[in-house]
PDB file of all heavy atoms in Angstrom:
ATOM      1  N   ASN A   1       0.876  -1.202  -0.007  1.00  0.00           N
ATOM      2  CA  ASN A   1       0.032  -0.061   0.056  1.00  0.00           C
ATOM      3  C   ASN A   1       0.876   1.246  -0.001  1.00  0.00           C
ATOM      4  O   ASN A   1       2.078   1.193   0.198  1.00  0.00           O
ATOM      5  CB  ASN A   1      -0.965  -0.019   1.220  1.00  0.00           C
ATOM      6  CG  ASN A   1      -0.205  -0.018   2.521  1.00  0.00           C
ATOM      7  OD1 ASN A   1       0.957   0.147   2.585  1.00  0.00           O
ATOM      8  ND2 ASN A   1      -0.939  -0.190   3.611  1.00  0.00           N
ATOM      9  N   GLN A   2       0.270   2.378  -0.222  1.00  0.00           N
ATOM     10  CA  GLN A   2       1.055   3.647  -0.481  1.00  0.00           C
ATOM     11  C   GLN A   2       1.891   4.095   0.806  1.00  0.00           C
ATOM     12  O   GLN A   2       2.944   4.551   0.667  1.00  0.00           O
ATOM     13  CB  GLN A   2       0.117   4.762  -0.820  1.00  0.00           C
ATOM     14  CG  GLN A   2       0.837   6.108  -1.277  1.00  0.00           C
ATOM     15  CD  GLN A   2       1.755   5.803  -2.486  1.00  0.00           C
ATOM     16  OE1 GLN A   2       1.335   5.107  -3.396  1.00  0.00           O
ATOM     17  NE2 GLN A   2       2.874   6.456  -2.512  1.00  0.00           N
ATOM     18  N   GLY A   3       1.325   3.844   1.950  1.00  0.00           N
ATOM     19  CA  GLY A   3       2.042   4.254   3.184  1.00  0.00           C
ATOM     20  C   GLY A   3       3.389   3.497   3.356  1.00  0.00           C
ATOM     21  O   GLY A   3       4.419   4.002   3.701  1.00  0.00           O
ATOM     22  N   THR A   4       3.298   2.163   3.072  1.00  0.00           N
ATOM     23  CA  THR A   4       4.523   1.350   3.122  1.00  0.00           C
ATOM     24  C   THR A   4       5.484   1.698   2.010  1.00  0.00           C
ATOM     25  O   THR A   4       6.664   1.720   2.288  1.00  0.00           O
ATOM     26  CB  THR A   4       4.099  -0.107   2.970  1.00  0.00           C
ATOM     27  OG1 THR A   4       3.059  -0.442   3.970  1.00  0.00           O
ATOM     28  CG2 THR A   4       5.321  -1.022   3.258  1.00  0.00           C
ATOM     29  N   VAL A   5       4.979   1.949   0.816  1.00  0.00           N
ATOM     30  CA  VAL A   5       5.761   2.349  -0.224  1.00  0.00           C
ATOM     31  C   VAL A   5       6.590   3.677   0.063  1.00  0.00           C
ATOM     32  O   VAL A   5       7.844   3.716  -0.221  1.00  0.00           O
ATOM     33  CB  VAL A   5       5.043   2.580  -1.561  1.00  0.00           C
ATOM     34  CG1 VAL A   5       5.883   3.212  -2.584  1.00  0.00           C
ATOM     35  CG2 VAL A   5       4.537   1.256  -2.030  1.00  0.00           C
ATOM     36  N   ASN A   6       5.964   4.599   0.697  1.00  0.00           N
ATOM     37  CA  ASN A   6       6.645   5.856   1.078  1.00  0.00           C
ATOM     38  C   ASN A   6       7.705   5.550   2.096  1.00  0.00           C
ATOM     39  O   ASN A   6       8.781   6.137   2.070  1.00  0.00           O
ATOM     40  CB  ASN A   6       5.594   6.850   1.724  1.00  0.00           C
ATOM     41  CG  ASN A   6       4.655   7.396   0.636  1.00  0.00           C
ATOM     42  OD1 ASN A   6       4.943   7.405  -0.480  1.00  0.00           O
ATOM     43  ND2 ASN A   6       3.509   7.883   1.138  1.00  0.00           N
ATOM     44  N   VAL A   7       7.525   4.734   3.043  1.00  0.00           N
ATOM     45  CA  VAL A   7       8.550   4.362   4.094  1.00  0.00           C
ATOM     46  C   VAL A   7       9.739   3.679   3.416  1.00  0.00           C
ATOM     47  O   VAL A   7      10.882   3.969   3.590  1.00  0.00           O
ATOM     48  CB  VAL A   7       7.904   3.496   5.182  1.00  0.00           C
ATOM     49  CG1 VAL A   7       9.023   2.967   6.163  1.00  0.00           C
ATOM     50  CG2 VAL A   7       6.884   4.285   5.948  1.00  0.00           C
ATOM     51  N   ILE A   8       9.430   2.786   2.445  1.00  0.00           N
ATOM     52  CA  ILE A   8      10.492   2.065   1.794  1.00  0.00           C
ATOM     53  C   ILE A   8      11.248   3.029   0.848  1.00  0.00           C
ATOM     54  O   ILE A   8      12.497   2.995   0.808  1.00  0.00           O
ATOM     55  CB  ILE A   8       9.917   0.832   0.967  1.00  0.00           C
ATOM     56  CG1 ILE A   8       9.446  -0.192   1.929  1.00  0.00           C
ATOM     57  CG2 ILE A   8      10.999   0.387  -0.025  1.00  0.00           C
ATOM     58  CD1 ILE A   8       8.788  -1.404   1.189  1.00  0.00           C
ATOM     59  N   ASN A   9      10.520   3.997   0.248  1.00  0.00           N
ATOM     60  CA  ASN A   9      11.291   5.016  -0.529  1.00  0.00           C
ATOM     61  C   ASN A   9      12.270   5.842   0.243  1.00  0.00           C
ATOM     62  O   ASN A   9      13.302   6.201  -0.177  1.00  0.00           O
ATOM     63  CB  ASN A   9      10.309   5.832  -1.364  1.00  0.00           C
ATOM     64  CG  ASN A   9       9.643   5.158  -2.436  1.00  0.00           C
ATOM     65  OD1 ASN A   9      10.143   4.109  -3.038  1.00  0.00           O
ATOM     66  ND2 ASN A   9       8.528   5.555  -2.936  1.00  0.00           N
ATOM     67  N   VAL A  10      11.789   6.262   1.419  1.00  0.00           N
ATOM     68  CA  VAL A  10      12.642   7.030   2.298  1.00  0.00           C
ATOM     69  C   VAL A  10      13.845   6.222   2.749  1.00  0.00           C
ATOM     70  O   VAL A  10      14.946   6.683   2.769  1.00  0.00           O
ATOM     71  CB  VAL A  10      11.851   7.621   3.454  1.00  0.00           C
ATOM     72  CG1 VAL A  10      12.777   8.286   4.567  1.00  0.00           C
ATOM     73  CG2 VAL A  10      10.873   8.642   3.060  1.00  0.00           C
ATOM     74  N   ALA A  11      13.604   5.070   3.118  1.00  0.00           N
ATOM     75  CA  ALA A  11      14.653   4.181   3.556  1.00  0.00           C
ATOM     76  C   ALA A  11      15.713   3.954   2.388  1.00  0.00           C
ATOM     77  O   ALA A  11      16.938   3.960   2.644  1.00  0.00           O
ATOM     78  CB  ALA A  11      14.152   2.802   3.999  1.00  0.00           C
ATOM     79  N   PHE A  12      15.171   3.787   1.196  1.00  0.00           N
ATOM     80  CA  PHE A  12      15.987   3.625   0.059  1.00  0.00           C
ATOM     81  C   PHE A  12      16.869   4.788  -0.167  1.00  0.00           C
ATOM     82  O   PHE A  12      18.150   4.721  -0.411  1.00  0.00           O
ATOM     83  CB  PHE A  12      15.187   3.326  -1.170  1.00  0.00           C
ATOM     84  CG  PHE A  12      15.890   3.294  -2.489  1.00  0.00           C
ATOM     85  CD1 PHE A  12      16.827   2.272  -2.800  1.00  0.00           C
ATOM     86  CD2 PHE A  12      15.837   4.373  -3.405  1.00  0.00           C
ATOM     87  CE1 PHE A  12      17.460   2.257  -3.972  1.00  0.00           C
ATOM     88  CE2 PHE A  12      16.542   4.345  -4.559  1.00  0.00           C
ATOM     89  CZ  PHE A  12      17.311   3.352  -4.884  1.00  0.00           C
ATOM     90  N   GLN A  13      16.263   6.035  -0.025  1.00  0.00           N
ATOM     91  CA  GLN A  13      17.051   7.268  -0.210  1.00  0.00           C
ATOM     92  C   GLN A  13      18.130   7.371   0.836  1.00  0.00           C
ATOM     93  O   GLN A  13      19.302   7.800   0.483  1.00  0.00           O
ATOM     94  CB  GLN A  13      16.176   8.436  -0.199  1.00  0.00           C
ATOM     95  CG  GLN A  13      15.208   8.564  -1.392  1.00  0.00           C
ATOM     96  CD  GLN A  13      14.189   9.604  -1.254  1.00  0.00           C
ATOM     97  OE1 GLN A  13      14.123  10.327  -0.369  1.00  0.00           O
ATOM     98  NE2 GLN A  13      13.374   9.737  -2.308  1.00  0.00           N
ATOM     99  N   ILE A  14      17.784   7.050   2.020  1.00  0.00           N
ATOM    100  CA  ILE A  14      18.804   7.109   3.140  1.00  0.00           C
ATOM    101  C   ILE A  14      19.997   6.120   2.897  1.00  0.00           C
ATOM    102  O   ILE A  14      21.140   6.537   3.067  1.00  0.00           O
ATOM    103  CB  ILE A  14      18.185   6.866   4.504  1.00  0.00           C
ATOM    104  CG1 ILE A  14      17.229   8.080   4.857  1.00  0.00           C
ATOM    105  CG2 ILE A  14      19.207   6.696   5.587  1.00  0.00           C
ATOM    106  CD1 ILE A  14      16.329   7.794   6.058  1.00  0.00           C
ATOM    107  N   PHE A  15      19.674   4.920   2.425  1.00  0.00           N
ATOM    108  CA  PHE A  15      20.741   3.959   2.192  1.00  0.00           C
ATOM    109  C   PHE A  15      21.545   4.435   1.032  1.00  0.00           C
ATOM    110  O   PHE A  15      22.832   4.268   0.988  1.00  0.00           O
ATOM    111  CB  PHE A  15      20.027   2.584   1.853  1.00  0.00           C
ATOM    112  CG  PHE A  15      19.842   1.754   3.002  1.00  0.00           C
ATOM    113  CD1 PHE A  15      18.929   1.990   3.988  1.00  0.00           C
ATOM    114  CD2 PHE A  15      20.687   0.610   3.133  1.00  0.00           C
ATOM    115  CE1 PHE A  15      18.739   1.172   5.122  1.00  0.00           C
ATOM    116  CE2 PHE A  15      20.497  -0.297   4.287  1.00  0.00           C
ATOM    117  CZ  PHE A  15      19.566   0.100   5.216  1.00  0.00           C
ATOM    118  N   CYS A  16      20.915   5.026  -0.015  1.00  0.00           N
ATOM    119  CA  CYS A  16      21.717   5.508  -1.118  1.00  0.00           C
ATOM    120  C   CYS A  16      22.698   6.685  -0.670  1.00  0.00           C
ATOM    121  O   CYS A  16      23.861   6.725  -1.174  1.00  0.00           O
ATOM    122  CB  CYS A  16      20.798   6.098  -2.253  1.00  0.00           C
ATOM    123  SG  CYS A  16      19.979   4.736  -3.140  1.00  0.00           S
ATOM    124  N   ILE A  17      22.245   7.553   0.131  1.00  0.00           N
ATOM    125  CA  ILE A  17      23.098   8.604   0.625  1.00  0.00           C
ATOM    126  C   ILE A  17      24.246   8.092   1.329  1.00  0.00           C
ATOM    127  O   ILE A  17      25.384   8.513   1.179  1.00  0.00           O
ATOM    128  CB  ILE A  17      22.250   9.632   1.569  1.00  0.00           C
ATOM    129  CG1 ILE A  17      21.261  10.336   0.722  1.00  0.00           C
ATOM    130  CG2 ILE A  17      23.152  10.507   2.363  1.00  0.00           C
ATOM    131  CD1 ILE A  17      20.253  11.127   1.515  1.00  0.00           C
ATOM    132  N   PHE A  18      24.063   7.126   2.243  1.00  0.00           N
ATOM    133  CA  PHE A  18      25.227   6.506   3.011  1.00  0.00           C
ATOM    134  C   PHE A  18      26.031   5.747   2.046  1.00  0.00           C
ATOM    135  O   PHE A  18      27.288   5.652   2.285  1.00  0.00           O
ATOM    136  CB  PHE A  18      24.724   5.641   4.090  1.00  0.00           C
ATOM    137  CG  PHE A  18      24.318   6.489   5.398  1.00  0.00           C
ATOM    138  CD1 PHE A  18      23.009   6.756   5.670  1.00  0.00           C
ATOM    139  CD2 PHE A  18      25.366   6.932   6.207  1.00  0.00           C
ATOM    140  CE1 PHE A  18      22.764   7.495   6.758  1.00  0.00           C
ATOM    141  CE2 PHE A  18      25.040   7.714   7.311  1.00  0.00           C
ATOM    142  CZ  PHE A  18      23.685   7.982   7.630  1.00  0.00           C
ATOM    143  N   ALA A  19      25.549   5.051   1.107  1.00  0.00           N
ATOM    144  CA  ALA A  19      26.323   4.314   0.109  1.00  0.00           C
ATOM    145  C   ALA A  19      27.247   5.280  -0.647  1.00  0.00           C
ATOM    146  O   ALA A  19      28.503   5.019  -0.864  1.00  0.00           O
ATOM    147  CB  ALA A  19      25.470   3.610  -0.860  1.00  0.00           C
ATOM    148  N   VAL A  20      26.729   6.415  -1.072  1.00  0.00           N
ATOM    149  CA  VAL A  20      27.558   7.475  -1.739  1.00  0.00           C
ATOM    150  C   VAL A  20      28.614   8.013  -0.765  1.00  0.00           C
ATOM    151  O   VAL A  20      29.764   8.153  -1.174  1.00  0.00           O
ATOM    152  CB  VAL A  20      26.715   8.460  -2.270  1.00  0.00           C
ATOM    153  CG1 VAL A  20      27.496   9.762  -2.774  1.00  0.00           C
ATOM    154  CG2 VAL A  20      25.889   8.017  -3.467  1.00  0.00           C
ATOM    155  N   MET A  21      28.262   8.291   0.410  1.00  0.00           N
ATOM    156  CA  MET A  21      29.177   8.845   1.391  1.00  0.00           C
ATOM    157  C   MET A  21      30.326   7.873   1.618  1.00  0.00           C
ATOM    158  O   MET A  21      31.451   8.315   1.586  1.00  0.00           O
ATOM    159  CB  MET A  21      28.461   9.171   2.700  1.00  0.00           C
ATOM    160  CG  MET A  21      29.379   9.709   3.845  1.00  0.00           C
ATOM    161  SD  MET A  21      28.659   9.867   5.425  1.00  0.00           S
ATOM    162  CE  MET A  21      28.491   8.186   5.857  1.00  0.00           C
ATOM    163  N   PHE A  22      30.112   6.585   1.906  1.00  0.00           N
ATOM    164  CA  PHE A  22      31.213   5.685   2.077  1.00  0.00           C
ATOM    165  C   PHE A  22      31.951   5.341   0.806  1.00  0.00           C
ATOM    166  O   PHE A  22      33.172   5.092   0.850  1.00  0.00           O
ATOM    167  CB  PHE A  22      30.546   4.284   2.677  1.00  0.00           C
ATOM    168  CG  PHE A  22      30.397   4.551   4.177  1.00  0.00           C
ATOM    169  CD1 PHE A  22      29.145   4.530   4.685  1.00  0.00           C
ATOM    170  CD2 PHE A  22      31.450   4.503   4.939  1.00  0.00           C
ATOM    171  CE1 PHE A  22      28.855   4.697   6.000  1.00  0.00           C
ATOM    172  CE2 PHE A  22      31.190   4.596   6.391  1.00  0.00           C
ATOM    173  CZ  PHE A  22      29.959   4.705   6.841  1.00  0.00           C
ATOM    174  N   THR A  23      31.330   5.554  -0.391  1.00  0.00           N
ATOM    175  CA  THR A  23      32.101   5.319  -1.607  1.00  0.00           C
ATOM    176  C   THR A  23      33.119   6.457  -1.752  1.00  0.00           C
ATOM    177  O   THR A  23      34.216   6.325  -2.161  1.00  0.00           O
ATOM    178  CB  THR A  23      31.138   5.327  -2.814  1.00  0.00           C
ATOM    179  OG1 THR A  23      30.233   4.262  -2.653  1.00  0.00           O
ATOM    180  CG2 THR A  23      31.904   5.188  -4.146  1.00  0.00           C
ATOM    181  N   VAL A  24      32.643   7.723  -1.341  1.00  0.00           N
ATOM    182  CA  VAL A  24      33.557   8.841  -1.364  1.00  0.00           C
ATOM    183  C   VAL A  24      34.710   8.672  -0.414  1.00  0.00           C
ATOM    184  O   VAL A  24      35.869   8.965  -0.757  1.00  0.00           O
ATOM    185  CB  VAL A  24      32.817  10.194  -1.120  1.00  0.00           C
ATOM    186  CG1 VAL A  24      33.705  11.369  -0.895  1.00  0.00           C
ATOM    187  CG2 VAL A  24      31.872  10.478  -2.319  1.00  0.00           C
ATOM    188  N   LEU A  25      34.384   8.276   0.777  1.00  0.00           N
ATOM    189  CA  LEU A  25      35.443   7.945   1.843  1.00  0.00           C
ATOM    190  C   LEU A  25      36.376   6.899   1.311  1.00  0.00           C
ATOM    191  O   LEU A  25      37.562   6.904   1.520  1.00  0.00           O
ATOM    192  CB  LEU A  25      34.785   7.502   3.147  1.00  0.00           C
ATOM    193  CG  LEU A  25      34.146   8.660   3.969  1.00  0.00           C
ATOM    194  CD1 LEU A  25      33.361   8.073   5.111  1.00  0.00           C
ATOM    195  CD2 LEU A  25      35.178   9.671   4.382  1.00  0.00           C
ATOM    196  N   LEU A  26      35.883   5.896   0.637  1.00  0.00           N
ATOM    197  CA  LEU A  26      36.803   4.771   0.146  1.00  0.00           C
ATOM    198  C   LEU A  26      37.684   5.417  -0.974  1.00  0.00           C
ATOM    199  O   LEU A  26      38.834   5.109  -0.988  1.00  0.00           O
ATOM    200  CB  LEU A  26      35.867   3.708  -0.470  1.00  0.00           C
ATOM    201  CG  LEU A  26      36.650   2.473  -1.042  1.00  0.00           C
ATOM    202  CD1 LEU A  26      37.437   1.784   0.006  1.00  0.00           C
ATOM    203  CD2 LEU A  26      35.601   1.504  -1.614  1.00  0.00           C
ATOM    204  N   GLY A  27      37.083   6.263  -1.767  1.00  0.00           N
ATOM    205  CA  GLY A  27      37.930   6.967  -2.812  1.00  0.00           C
ATOM    206  C   GLY A  27      38.971   7.783  -2.152  1.00  0.00           C
ATOM    207  O   GLY A  27      40.217   7.845  -2.604  1.00  0.00           O
ATOM    208  N   MET A  28      38.611   8.506  -1.156  1.00  0.00           N
ATOM    209  CA  MET A  28      39.630   9.366  -0.405  1.00  0.00           C
ATOM    210  C   MET A  28      40.657   8.537   0.212  1.00  0.00           C
ATOM    211  O   MET A  28      41.884   8.928   0.302  1.00  0.00           O
ATOM    212  CB  MET A  28      38.902  10.210   0.650  1.00  0.00           C
ATOM    213  CG  MET A  28      38.033  11.353   0.051  1.00  0.00           C
ATOM    214  SD  MET A  28      37.068  12.170   1.282  1.00  0.00           S
ATOM    215  CE  MET A  28      38.404  12.902   2.267  1.00  0.00           C
ATOM    216  N   SER A  29      40.392   7.259   0.651  1.00  0.00           N
ATOM    217  CA  SER A  29      41.370   6.517   1.266  1.00  0.00           C
ATOM    218  C   SER A  29      42.415   6.031   0.243  1.00  0.00           C
ATOM    219  O   SER A  29      43.611   5.786   0.528  1.00  0.00           O
ATOM    220  CB  SER A  29      40.744   5.274   1.954  1.00  0.00           C
ATOM    221  OG  SER A  29      40.306   4.282   1.014  1.00  0.00           O
ATOM    222  N   PHE A  30      41.971   5.901  -1.023  1.00  0.00           N
ATOM    223  CA  PHE A  30      42.936   5.502  -2.090  1.00  0.00           C
ATOM    224  C   PHE A  30      43.716   6.816  -2.441  1.00  0.00           C
ATOM    225  O   PHE A  30      44.899   6.590  -2.882  1.00  0.00           O
ATOM    226  CB  PHE A  30      42.215   4.911  -3.321  1.00  0.00           C
ATOM    227  CG  PHE A  30      41.834   3.479  -3.127  1.00  0.00           C
ATOM    228  CD1 PHE A  30      40.593   3.137  -2.809  1.00  0.00           C
ATOM    229  CD2 PHE A  30      42.832   2.557  -3.233  1.00  0.00           C
ATOM    230  CE1 PHE A  30      40.246   1.770  -2.668  1.00  0.00           C
ATOM    231  CE2 PHE A  30      42.514   1.160  -3.088  1.00  0.00           C
ATOM    232  CZ  PHE A  30      41.170   0.819  -2.741  1.00  0.00           C
ATOM    233  N   ILE A  31      43.132   7.981  -2.438  1.00  0.00           N
ATOM    234  CA  ILE A  31      43.814   9.142  -2.927  1.00  0.00           C
ATOM    235  C   ILE A  31      44.832   9.537  -1.837  1.00  0.00           C
ATOM    236  O   ILE A  31      46.021   9.772  -2.055  1.00  0.00           O
ATOM    237  CB  ILE A  31      42.817  10.236  -3.103  1.00  0.00           C
ATOM    238  CG1 ILE A  31      41.975   9.956  -4.330  1.00  0.00           C
ATOM    239  CG2 ILE A  31      43.537  11.641  -3.268  1.00  0.00           C
ATOM    240  CD1 ILE A  31      40.778  10.929  -4.496  1.00  0.00           C
ATOM    241  N   PHE A  32      44.413   9.611  -0.517  1.00  0.00           N
ATOM    242  CA  PHE A  32      45.292  10.059   0.605  1.00  0.00           C
ATOM    243  C   PHE A  32      46.143   8.964   1.242  1.00  0.00           C
ATOM    244  O   PHE A  32      47.116   9.258   1.737  1.00  0.00           O
ATOM    245  CB  PHE A  32      44.514  10.884   1.603  1.00  0.00           C
ATOM    246  CG  PHE A  32      43.868  12.020   1.089  1.00  0.00           C
ATOM    247  CD1 PHE A  32      42.463  12.174   1.136  1.00  0.00           C
ATOM    248  CD2 PHE A  32      44.568  13.064   0.627  1.00  0.00           C
ATOM    249  CE1 PHE A  32      41.828  13.341   0.711  1.00  0.00           C
ATOM    250  CE2 PHE A  32      43.914  14.284   0.086  1.00  0.00           C
ATOM    251  CZ  PHE A  32      42.603  14.369   0.143  1.00  0.00           C
ATOM    252  N   GLY A  33      45.628   7.773   1.097  1.00  0.00           N
ATOM    253  CA  GLY A  33      46.380   6.624   1.672  1.00  0.00           C
ATOM    254  C   GLY A  33      47.343   5.947   0.741  1.00  0.00           C
ATOM    255  O   GLY A  33      48.289   5.362   1.166  1.00  0.00           O
ATOM    256  N   GLY A  34      47.160   6.130  -0.514  1.00  0.00           N
ATOM    257  CA  GLY A  34      48.049   5.406  -1.487  1.00  0.00           C
ATOM    258  C   GLY A  34      47.853   4.029  -1.430  1.00  0.00           C
ATOM    259  O   GLY A  34      46.920   3.490  -0.898  1.00  0.00           O
ATOM    260  N   ARG A  35      48.713   3.302  -1.989  1.00  0.00           N
ATOM    261  CA  ARG A  35      48.766   1.841  -1.987  1.00  0.00           C
ATOM    262  C   ARG A  35      49.641   1.244  -0.983  1.00  0.00           C
ATOM    263  O   ARG A  35      50.698   1.997  -0.505  1.00  0.00           O
ATOM    264  CB  ARG A  35      49.162   1.285  -3.366  1.00  0.00           C
ATOM    265  CG  ARG A  35      48.207   1.673  -4.428  1.00  0.00           C
ATOM    266  CD  ARG A  35      48.664   0.999  -5.765  1.00  0.00           C
ATOM    267  NE  ARG A  35      47.779   1.309  -6.736  1.00  0.00           N
ATOM    268  CZ  ARG A  35      47.305   0.513  -7.677  1.00  0.00           C
ATOM    269  NH1 ARG A  35      47.711  -0.743  -7.629  1.00  0.00           N
ATOM    270  NH2 ARG A  35      46.496   0.822  -8.595  1.00  0.00           N
TER     271      ARG A  35
END
């Protein structure tokens, strides 16, 4: 139903934001940490 879909959409957006944030941090670890 629509109420559940709204909750799942918000959770999906939050998960995507954190995925992008940790991807950026991972990239920074390769830039600043080197190999």
